[in-house]
Each structure stands twice: as C-alpha cells, then as structure tokens.
Amino acid sequence: MNRTEFIFAIAVILFVAFVLGWATSWLVARFTRVSQSDIGELDQMAQALHEAEETRDQAITYLQYREEELTNQLAQAEAELSAAMEGLRDARHEAEELRSYAEKNSAR
C-alpha cells in the first residue's frame, strides 16, 4: 500500500466514523426529544408542587400560631393554679388559727 492509498483509506475511515457519529447523535436526539404534552405535564406538576408548598407553609404558620396560643394558655392556667394553691394554703392556715382560737375559747 503506497502513501496515496493509505491517505485515502484513512480519509474513508474518518468519513465513515463521522457519518456513524452524526447518525447516532441524530437518533439519540430524535428519541429523547421532549414533546409539548410532556412540557405541559411538567408545567402542571410544577404548579401543583408550588400550591402544595404554599399549603405547607400556611399549615406551618398556623401550627406555630396555635402552639404559641396554647403555650400562653398553659402559662395562664399555671399562674391561676399557683394563685389558687396559695389562696388555699392561706385559707387552711387561717382555718387552723381559727380552730386553735376556738379551742382556747371553749376550754375556758
């Protein structure tokens, strides 16, 4: 094989490789092409996801508000309980003093 035939053979091999690569690229692009219906479906999914995220954010906000409200109610109930217990303690102490006083007066 002389030099001219070798160059011609390499050129043919490179041309065939180029054609095969181009054909493969075209086939891949043809089979992986996104259709308009797919794009529409993706848009609908994106919209649904956005609405779900908004709903989630609203639920989180409501739960935080409700938790704060319940925490305040609990603190208020604990304060009222503490005041009632203190009043009961004072009433028991006063009742004990009155009993002692009554026993002293009845013993005379």
C-alpha atoms as a PDB file:
ATOM      1  CA  MET A   1       0.000   0.000   0.000  1.00  0.00           C
ATOM      2  CA  ASN A   2       1.508   3.247  -1.070  1.00  0.00           C
ATOM      3  CA  ARG A   3       1.153   6.644   0.547  1.00  0.00           C
ATOM      4  CA  THR A   4      -1.832   7.825  -1.539  1.00  0.00           C
ATOM      5  CA  GLU A   5      -3.834   4.672  -0.876  1.00  0.00           C
ATOM      6  CA  PHE A   6      -3.068   4.925   2.842  1.00  0.00           C
ATOM      7  CA  ILE A   7      -4.279   8.554   2.992  1.00  0.00           C
ATOM      8  CA  PHE A   8      -7.398   7.624   1.009  1.00  0.00           C
ATOM      9  CA  ALA A   9      -8.143   4.675   3.367  1.00  0.00           C
ATOM     10  CA  ILE A  10      -7.710   6.876   6.466  1.00  0.00           C
ATOM     11  CA  ALA A  11      -9.987   9.534   4.900  1.00  0.00           C
ATOM     12  CA  VAL A  12     -12.671   6.928   4.186  1.00  0.00           C
ATOM     13  CA  ILE A  13     -12.410   5.542   7.736  1.00  0.00           C
ATOM     14  CA  LEU A  14     -12.674   9.033   9.236  1.00  0.00           C
ATOM     15  CA  PHE A  15     -15.651   9.882   6.975  1.00  0.00           C
ATOM     16  CA  VAL A  16     -17.442   6.651   7.960  1.00  0.00           C
ATOM     17  CA  ALA A  17     -16.757   7.384  11.662  1.00  0.00           C
ATOM     18  CA  PHE A  18     -18.120  10.918  11.188  1.00  0.00           C
ATOM     19  CA  VAL A  19     -21.288   9.636   9.482  1.00  0.00           C
ATOM     20  CA  LEU A  20     -21.825   6.989  12.162  1.00  0.00           C
ATOM     21  CA  GLY A  21     -21.360   9.595  14.922  1.00  0.00           C
ATOM     22  CA  TRP A  22     -23.728  12.027  13.244  1.00  0.00           C
ATOM     23  CA  ALA A  23     -26.359   9.279  12.695  1.00  0.00           C
ATOM     24  CA  THR A  24     -26.063   8.168  16.323  1.00  0.00           C
ATOM     25  CA  SER A  25     -26.402  11.753  17.532  1.00  0.00           C
ATOM     26  CA  TRP A  26     -29.477  12.280  15.351  1.00  0.00           C
ATOM     27  CA  LEU A  27     -31.095   9.067  16.631  1.00  0.00           C
ATOM     28  CA  VAL A  28     -30.434   9.959  20.259  1.00  0.00           C
ATOM     29  CA  ALA A  29     -31.840  13.453  19.744  1.00  0.00           C
ATOM     30  CA  ARG A  30     -34.872  12.011  17.958  1.00  0.00           C
ATOM     31  CA  PHE A  31     -35.701   9.527  20.714  1.00  0.00           C
ATOM     32  CA  THR A  32     -35.026  11.842  23.643  1.00  0.00           C
ATOM     33  CA  ARG A  33     -36.895  14.831  22.269  1.00  0.00           C
ATOM     34  CA  VAL A  34     -39.395  16.327  24.734  1.00  0.00           C
ATOM     35  CA  SER A  35     -42.878  16.718  23.315  1.00  0.00           C
ATOM     36  CA  GLN A  36     -45.240  19.615  24.005  1.00  0.00           C
ATOM     37  CA  SER A  37     -47.537  17.357  26.037  1.00  0.00           C
ATOM     38  CA  ASP A  38     -44.590  16.461  28.261  1.00  0.00           C
ATOM     39  CA  ILE A  39     -43.797  20.134  28.739  1.00  0.00           C
ATOM     40  CA  GLY A  40     -47.437  20.826  29.581  1.00  0.00           C
ATOM     41  CA  GLU A  41     -47.444  17.986  32.080  1.00  0.00           C
ATOM     42  CA  LEU A  42     -44.247  19.299  33.663  1.00  0.00           C
ATOM     43  CA  ASP A  43     -45.832  22.745  33.955  1.00  0.00           C
ATOM     44  CA  GLN A  44     -48.876  21.244  35.676  1.00  0.00           C
ATOM     45  CA  MET A  45     -46.664  19.295  38.051  1.00  0.00           C
ATOM     46  CA  ALA A  46     -44.663  22.438  38.844  1.00  0.00           C
ATOM     47  CA  GLN A  47     -47.879  24.359  39.548  1.00  0.00           C
ATOM     48  CA  ALA A  48     -49.191  21.568  41.792  1.00  0.00           C
ATOM     49  CA  LEU A  49     -45.872  21.483  43.650  1.00  0.00           C
ATOM     50  CA  HIS A  50     -45.979  25.245  44.129  1.00  0.00           C
ATOM     51  CA  GLU A  51     -49.530  25.063  45.516  1.00  0.00           C
ATOM     52  CA  ALA A  52     -48.540  22.201  47.829  1.00  0.00           C
ATOM     53  CA  GLU A  53     -45.597  24.218  49.137  1.00  0.00           C
ATOM     54  CA  GLU A  54     -47.877  27.205  49.783  1.00  0.00           C
ATOM     55  CA  THR A  55     -50.335  24.979  51.629  1.00  0.00           C
ATOM     56  CA  ARG A  56     -47.497  23.511  53.679  1.00  0.00           C
ATOM     57  CA  ASP A  57     -46.219  26.987  54.559  1.00  0.00           C
ATOM     58  CA  GLN A  58     -49.712  28.057  55.628  1.00  0.00           C
ATOM     59  CA  ALA A  59     -50.077  24.932  57.765  1.00  0.00           C
ATOM     60  CA  ILE A  60     -46.709  25.546  59.419  1.00  0.00           C
ATOM     61  CA  THR A  61     -47.664  29.156  60.138  1.00  0.00           C
ATOM     62  CA  TYR A  62     -50.993  28.081  61.623  1.00  0.00           C
ATOM     63  CA  LEU A  63     -49.325  25.424  63.770  1.00  0.00           C
ATOM     64  CA  GLN A  64     -46.785  27.926  65.072  1.00  0.00           C
ATOM     65  CA  TYR A  65     -49.583  30.375  65.904  1.00  0.00           C
ATOM     66  CA  ARG A  66     -51.632  27.641  67.591  1.00  0.00           C
ATOM     67  CA  GLU A  67     -48.618  26.412  69.564  1.00  0.00           C
ATOM     68  CA  GLU A  68     -47.918  29.941  70.803  1.00  0.00           C
ATOM     69  CA  GLU A  69     -51.580  30.380  71.766  1.00  0.00           C
ATOM     70  CA  LEU A  70     -51.648  27.082  73.665  1.00  0.00           C
ATOM     71  CA  THR A  71     -48.365  27.907  75.399  1.00  0.00           C
ATOM     72  CA  ASN A  72     -49.847  31.206  76.559  1.00  0.00           C
ATOM     73  CA  GLN A  73     -52.995  29.455  77.790  1.00  0.00           C
ATOM     74  CA  LEU A  74     -50.893  26.907  79.673  1.00  0.00           C
ATOM     75  CA  ALA A  75     -48.823  29.637  81.310  1.00  0.00           C
ATOM     76  CA  GLN A  76     -52.004  31.447  82.309  1.00  0.00           C
ATOM     77  CA  ALA A  77     -53.531  28.249  83.734  1.00  0.00           C
ATOM     78  CA  GLU A  78     -50.345  27.542  85.682  1.00  0.00           C
ATOM     79  CA  ALA A  79     -50.389  31.077  87.095  1.00  0.00           C
ATOM     80  CA  GLU A  80     -54.045  30.693  88.104  1.00  0.00           C
ATOM     81  CA  LEU A  81     -53.307  27.314  89.695  1.00  0.00           C
ATOM     82  CA  SER A  82     -50.404  28.787  91.617  1.00  0.00           C
ATOM     83  CA  ALA A  83     -52.600  31.644  92.866  1.00  0.00           C
ATOM     84  CA  ALA A  84     -55.367  29.208  93.838  1.00  0.00           C
ATOM     85  CA  MET A  85     -52.911  26.983  95.687  1.00  0.00           C
ATOM     86  CA  GLU A  86     -51.521  29.993  97.528  1.00  0.00           C
ATOM     87  CA  GLY A  87     -55.063  31.089  98.444  1.00  0.00           C
ATOM     88  CA  LEU A  88     -55.897  27.577  99.627  1.00  0.00           C
ATOM     89  CA  ARG A  89     -52.724  27.470 101.706  1.00  0.00           C
ATOM     90  CA  ASP A  90     -53.642  30.813 103.296  1.00  0.00           C
ATOM     91  CA  ALA A  91     -57.221  29.629 103.915  1.00  0.00           C
ATOM     92  CA  ARG A  92     -56.005  26.438 105.602  1.00  0.00           C
ATOM     93  CA  HIS A  93     -53.600  28.422 107.752  1.00  0.00           C
ATOM     94  CA  GLU A  94     -56.394  30.824 108.728  1.00  0.00           C
ATOM     95  CA  ALA A  95     -58.759  27.908 109.442  1.00  0.00           C
ATOM     96  CA  GLU A  96     -56.114  26.310 111.662  1.00  0.00           C
ATOM     97  CA  GLU A  97     -55.686  29.586 113.545  1.00  0.00           C
ATOM     98  CA  LEU A  98     -59.466  29.858 113.982  1.00  0.00           C
ATOM     99  CA  ARG A  99     -59.635  26.267 115.292  1.00  0.00           C
ATOM    100  CA  SER A 100     -56.855  26.971 117.746  1.00  0.00           C
ATOM    101  CA  TYR A 101     -58.614  30.154 118.857  1.00  0.00           C
ATOM    102  CA  ALA A 102     -61.956  28.331 119.149  1.00  0.00           C
ATOM    103  CA  GLU A 103     -60.379  25.516 121.192  1.00  0.00           C
ATOM    104  CA  LYS A 104     -58.736  28.007 123.522  1.00  0.00           C
ATOM    105  CA  ASN A 105     -62.011  29.881 123.988  1.00  0.00           C
ATOM    106  CA  SER A 106     -64.051  26.690 124.502  1.00  0.00           C
ATOM    107  CA  ALA A 107     -61.579  25.404 127.075  1.00  0.00           C
ATOM    108  CA  ARG A 108     -62.153  28.446 129.322  1.00  0.00           C
END
